[in-house]
C-alpha cells in the first residue's frame, strides 16, 4: 500500500532481452495513486515490451514488478482485476455493436454494466448515435474511442495504454488527454506510451521514463 492509502505499482531493477539483444536493464520506478508514467523512446527501444511486462504477459530476464506490495506473479488475480490494458489492437469483436462490446468487456472484468452505464461511457467517448452500429462499420477513430471507453466500465485502477492516440483526430486526442487526467485526479494510475505529444506536462504527477535503443 502507498502512503496515500491505495495500492502502488513498483518496478524494481527490470531487465529484458529480445533475441540476443538487451532492451534495457536496471529499470526502476514507482507509481502512486494519482500518478501517470509516460514511457518515451524511439521504435525498438522496448516500450511495448515494457507495457506487456506490466500486464504480466511477458516475464523479465531480471527484476520484478510488484502490486500492493506483492510480486504480480503471486498476486495475479487481484492484479488482473486492478488493471485495464489497451494495446495497438482495439480488441473489439467486429460483429458486435459498440454497446455490446462494452457490456462484454465489463462482464469479463467481473462487473455489471446496465444500459445507462454503457450509454454514459459511449456518450463520454463521443459515440452517441453509434451505440447500435456493428463495430466493423465504424471508422478507425471511432473504434479507438470504443476500445478506450471500455476502461470506464471495467473499473480498473491502473490503466496501461499503448499508443492511445492512434487514429484519433484533434477532438479525439483532447478527449483522451482529458480522460487520462481525470482518471489520475480521481486516484487512478496510468502508464502510457505515445509518439505524439500529450497535454500532460503541467501535471506534477507525470513521471517520464526514457528508453533508448541499445547499441
Protein backbone atom coordinates (compact mmCIF):
# COMPACT_ATOMS: atom_id res chain seq x y z
CA UNK A 1 0.00 0.00 0.00
CA UNK A 2 1.12 3.56 -0.57
CA UNK A 3 1.22 6.38 1.90
CA UNK A 4 -1.73 7.88 0.07
CA UNK A 5 -3.94 4.98 1.04
CA UNK A 6 -4.05 2.86 -2.09
CA UNK A 7 -2.01 0.15 -3.80
CA UNK A 8 1.01 1.20 -5.81
CA UNK A 9 2.91 -0.25 -8.75
CA UNK A 10 6.60 -0.90 -8.21
CA UNK A 11 9.10 -1.79 -10.92
CA UNK A 12 12.40 -2.98 -9.50
CA UNK A 13 15.63 -3.40 -11.48
CA UNK A 14 13.86 -4.73 -14.56
CA UNK A 15 15.99 -6.23 -17.36
CA UNK A 16 14.71 -7.53 -20.70
CA UNK A 17 16.38 -9.25 -23.63
CA UNK A 18 14.91 -9.78 -27.09
CA UNK A 19 16.67 -12.45 -29.12
CA UNK A 20 20.35 -11.73 -28.36
CA UNK A 21 19.92 -8.03 -27.65
CA UNK A 22 19.34 -6.37 -24.31
CA UNK A 23 16.47 -3.87 -24.50
CA UNK A 24 17.03 -2.33 -21.08
CA UNK A 25 18.29 -3.17 -17.61
CA UNK A 26 18.13 -1.72 -14.12
CA UNK A 27 14.78 -0.05 -14.86
CA UNK A 28 13.03 1.03 -11.65
CA UNK A 29 10.13 3.33 -10.90
CA UNK A 30 7.16 3.53 -8.55
CA UNK A 31 3.67 4.69 -9.45
CA UNK A 32 1.46 6.00 -6.67
CA UNK A 33 -2.32 6.58 -6.85
CA UNK A 34 -2.99 9.73 -8.87
CA UNK A 35 0.19 9.42 -10.94
CA UNK A 36 0.92 9.00 -14.64
CA UNK A 37 4.01 7.37 -16.17
CA UNK A 38 4.79 8.40 -19.75
CA UNK A 39 7.12 5.90 -21.43
CA UNK A 40 9.18 7.57 -24.15
CA UNK A 41 11.69 6.33 -26.70
CA UNK A 42 12.27 5.51 -30.37
CA UNK A 43 10.97 2.46 -32.16
CA UNK A 44 12.74 -0.66 -30.98
CA UNK A 45 13.56 0.69 -27.53
CA UNK A 46 11.15 -1.72 -25.83
CA UNK A 47 8.16 0.48 -24.97
CA UNK A 48 5.52 -2.07 -25.96
CA UNK A 49 7.56 -4.85 -24.38
CA UNK A 50 7.61 -2.91 -21.11
CA UNK A 51 3.84 -2.48 -21.19
CA UNK A 52 3.35 -6.18 -21.84
CA UNK A 53 5.62 -6.92 -18.88
CA UNK A 54 3.47 -4.63 -16.73
CA UNK A 55 0.42 -6.58 -17.86
CA UNK A 56 2.01 -9.86 -16.84
CA UNK A 57 2.01 -11.09 -20.44
CA UNK A 58 5.81 -11.44 -20.53
CA UNK A 59 8.43 -12.27 -17.91
CA UNK A 60 11.58 -10.18 -17.38
CA UNK A 61 15.10 -11.57 -17.54
CA UNK A 62 15.74 -9.98 -14.14
CA UNK A 63 13.95 -7.82 -11.61
CA UNK A 64 10.32 -7.87 -10.60
CA UNK A 65 7.04 -5.98 -10.76
CA UNK A 66 5.04 -5.58 -7.56
CA UNK A 67 1.45 -4.55 -6.95
CA UNK A 68 0.21 -3.63 -3.48
CA UNK A 69 3.50 -4.84 -2.03
CA UNK A 70 3.48 -8.29 -3.65
CA UNK A 71 5.02 -9.63 -6.89
CA UNK A 72 2.38 -9.75 -9.61
CA UNK A 73 3.23 -13.42 -10.18
CA UNK A 74 1.96 -14.11 -6.66
CA UNK A 75 -0.92 -11.65 -6.88
CA UNK A 76 -2.21 -12.45 -10.35
CA UNK A 77 -5.95 -12.44 -9.65
CA UNK A 78 -6.06 -9.17 -7.76
CA UNK A 79 -3.69 -7.52 -10.21
CA UNK A 80 -5.71 -8.63 -13.25
CA UNK A 81 -8.84 -7.08 -11.74
CA UNK A 82 -6.98 -3.88 -10.93
CA UNK A 83 -5.60 -3.16 -14.39
CA UNK A 84 -7.05 -2.36 -17.78
CA UNK A 85 -4.99 -2.66 -20.98
CA UNK A 86 -5.50 -1.12 -24.41
CA UNK A 87 -2.81 -2.11 -26.90
CA UNK A 88 -2.14 -1.40 -30.56
CA UNK A 89 -5.14 -3.56 -31.47
CA UNK A 90 -8.56 -2.28 -30.46
CA UNK A 91 -9.51 -5.85 -29.41
CA UNK A 92 -13.16 -5.38 -30.34
CA UNK A 93 -15.50 -8.00 -31.73
CA UNK A 94 -16.34 -6.65 -35.17
CA UNK A 95 -19.77 -8.27 -35.44
CA UNK A 96 -20.95 -6.82 -32.12
CA UNK A 97 -22.13 -3.26 -31.64
CA UNK A 98 -20.15 -0.72 -29.63
CA UNK A 99 -22.60 -1.13 -26.77
CA UNK A 100 -22.37 -4.92 -26.83
CA UNK A 101 -18.56 -4.77 -26.84
CA UNK A 102 -18.57 -2.61 -23.71
CA UNK A 103 -21.00 -4.93 -21.95
CA UNK A 104 -18.84 -7.96 -22.79
CA UNK A 105 -15.71 -6.18 -21.52
CA UNK A 106 -17.42 -5.28 -18.25
CA UNK A 107 -18.65 -8.85 -17.77
CA UNK A 108 -15.16 -10.27 -18.38
CA UNK A 109 -13.88 -7.87 -15.71
CA UNK A 110 -16.47 -9.24 -13.29
CA UNK A 111 -18.58 -6.08 -13.29
CA UNK A 112 -22.17 -5.48 -14.32
CA UNK A 113 -22.92 -2.72 -16.81
CA UNK A 114 -26.53 -1.73 -17.31
CA UNK A 115 -27.76 0.18 -20.34
CA UNK A 116 -27.42 3.57 -18.67
CA UNK A 117 -23.78 2.97 -17.64
CA UNK A 118 -22.92 1.73 -21.12
CA UNK A 119 -24.63 4.70 -22.71
CA UNK A 120 -22.82 7.12 -20.41
CA UNK A 121 -19.43 5.63 -21.33
CA UNK A 122 -20.20 5.85 -25.05
CA UNK A 123 -21.52 9.38 -24.69
CA UNK A 124 -18.34 10.38 -22.90
CA UNK A 125 -16.32 8.85 -25.74
CA UNK A 126 -18.23 10.88 -28.35
CA UNK A 127 -20.08 7.88 -29.75
CA UNK A 128 -23.68 8.96 -29.16
CA UNK A 129 -25.72 7.75 -32.12
CA UNK A 130 -23.31 4.89 -32.87
CA UNK A 131 -24.26 2.64 -29.93
CA UNK A 132 -26.03 0.04 -32.05
CA UNK A 133 -23.75 0.14 -35.08
CA UNK A 134 -21.65 -3.01 -35.65
CA UNK A 135 -18.03 -2.17 -34.92
CA UNK A 136 -16.92 -3.26 -38.39
CA UNK A 137 -18.89 -0.28 -39.77
CA UNK A 138 -17.17 2.26 -37.54
CA UNK A 139 -14.18 4.35 -38.60
CA UNK A 140 -10.72 3.62 -37.19
CA UNK A 141 -11.03 6.60 -34.86
CA UNK A 142 -14.46 5.53 -33.63
CA UNK A 143 -13.16 2.03 -32.95
CA UNK A 144 -10.33 3.51 -30.91
CA UNK A 145 -12.81 5.57 -28.89
CA UNK A 146 -14.92 2.46 -28.24
CA UNK A 147 -11.85 0.49 -27.16
CA UNK A 148 -10.81 3.19 -24.69
CA UNK A 149 -14.38 3.62 -23.43
CA UNK A 150 -14.25 0.06 -22.07
CA UNK A 151 -11.86 1.19 -19.35
CA UNK A 152 -14.54 3.29 -17.68
CA UNK A 153 -16.82 0.27 -17.31
CA UNK A 154 -14.12 -2.17 -16.21
CA UNK A 155 -13.43 -0.19 -13.05
CA UNK A 156 -9.67 -0.71 -13.31
CA UNK A 157 -7.46 1.37 -11.05
CA UNK A 158 -4.37 1.02 -13.26
CA UNK A 159 -4.66 1.86 -16.97
CA UNK A 160 -1.92 0.60 -19.31
CA UNK A 161 -2.20 2.28 -22.70
CA UNK A 162 -0.07 1.60 -25.77
CA UNK A 163 -0.31 4.48 -28.26
CA UNK A 164 -3.83 5.52 -27.18
CA UNK A 165 -3.89 8.44 -29.66
CA UNK A 166 -3.63 6.18 -32.72
CA UNK A 167 -6.22 7.01 -35.43
CA UNK A 168 -7.76 9.85 -33.40
CA UNK A 169 -8.42 13.34 -34.68
CA UNK A 170 -7.81 16.55 -32.73
CA UNK A 171 -11.01 16.25 -30.71
CA UNK A 172 -10.30 12.59 -30.01
CA UNK A 173 -6.81 13.35 -28.73
CA UNK A 174 -8.21 16.07 -26.47
CA UNK A 175 -10.74 13.57 -25.12
CA UNK A 176 -8.01 11.04 -24.32
CA UNK A 177 -5.91 13.69 -22.58
CA UNK A 178 -8.89 14.81 -20.50
CA UNK A 179 -9.91 11.24 -19.67
CA UNK A 180 -6.39 10.23 -18.61
CA UNK A 181 -6.03 13.34 -16.46
CA UNK A 182 -9.47 12.78 -14.93
CA UNK A 183 -8.66 9.18 -14.05
CA UNK A 184 -5.47 10.26 -12.29
CA UNK A 185 -7.23 13.09 -10.47
CA UNK A 186 -9.75 10.54 -9.17
CA UNK A 187 -6.91 8.48 -7.67
CA UNK A 188 -6.26 6.17 -10.59
CA UNK A 189 -2.90 5.40 -12.20
CA UNK A 190 -1.88 5.44 -15.86
CA UNK A 191 1.12 4.04 -17.71
CA UNK A 192 1.16 5.04 -21.36
CA UNK A 193 3.36 5.34 -24.39
CA UNK A 194 2.79 7.60 -27.37
CA UNK A 195 4.82 9.16 -30.16
CA UNK A 196 2.50 12.15 -30.15
CA UNK A 197 2.73 14.94 -27.58
CA UNK A 198 0.06 14.97 -24.88
CA UNK A 199 -1.07 17.94 -22.80
CA UNK A 200 0.09 16.40 -19.54
CA UNK A 201 3.26 18.39 -18.95
CA UNK A 202 1.55 20.71 -16.48
CA UNK A 203 0.72 17.82 -14.17
CA UNK A 204 3.20 17.40 -11.33
CA UNK A 205 2.39 13.70 -11.11
CA UNK A 206 3.72 12.80 -14.59
CA UNK A 207 6.84 10.63 -14.47
CA UNK A 208 8.73 10.47 -17.76
CA UNK A 209 10.65 7.25 -18.38
CA UNK A 210 13.01 7.38 -21.36
CA UNK A 211 14.08 4.17 -23.10
CA UNK A 212 16.85 4.08 -25.66
CA UNK A 213 17.79 1.64 -28.38
CA UNK A 214 20.73 -0.37 -27.08
CA UNK A 215 23.88 -0.25 -29.18
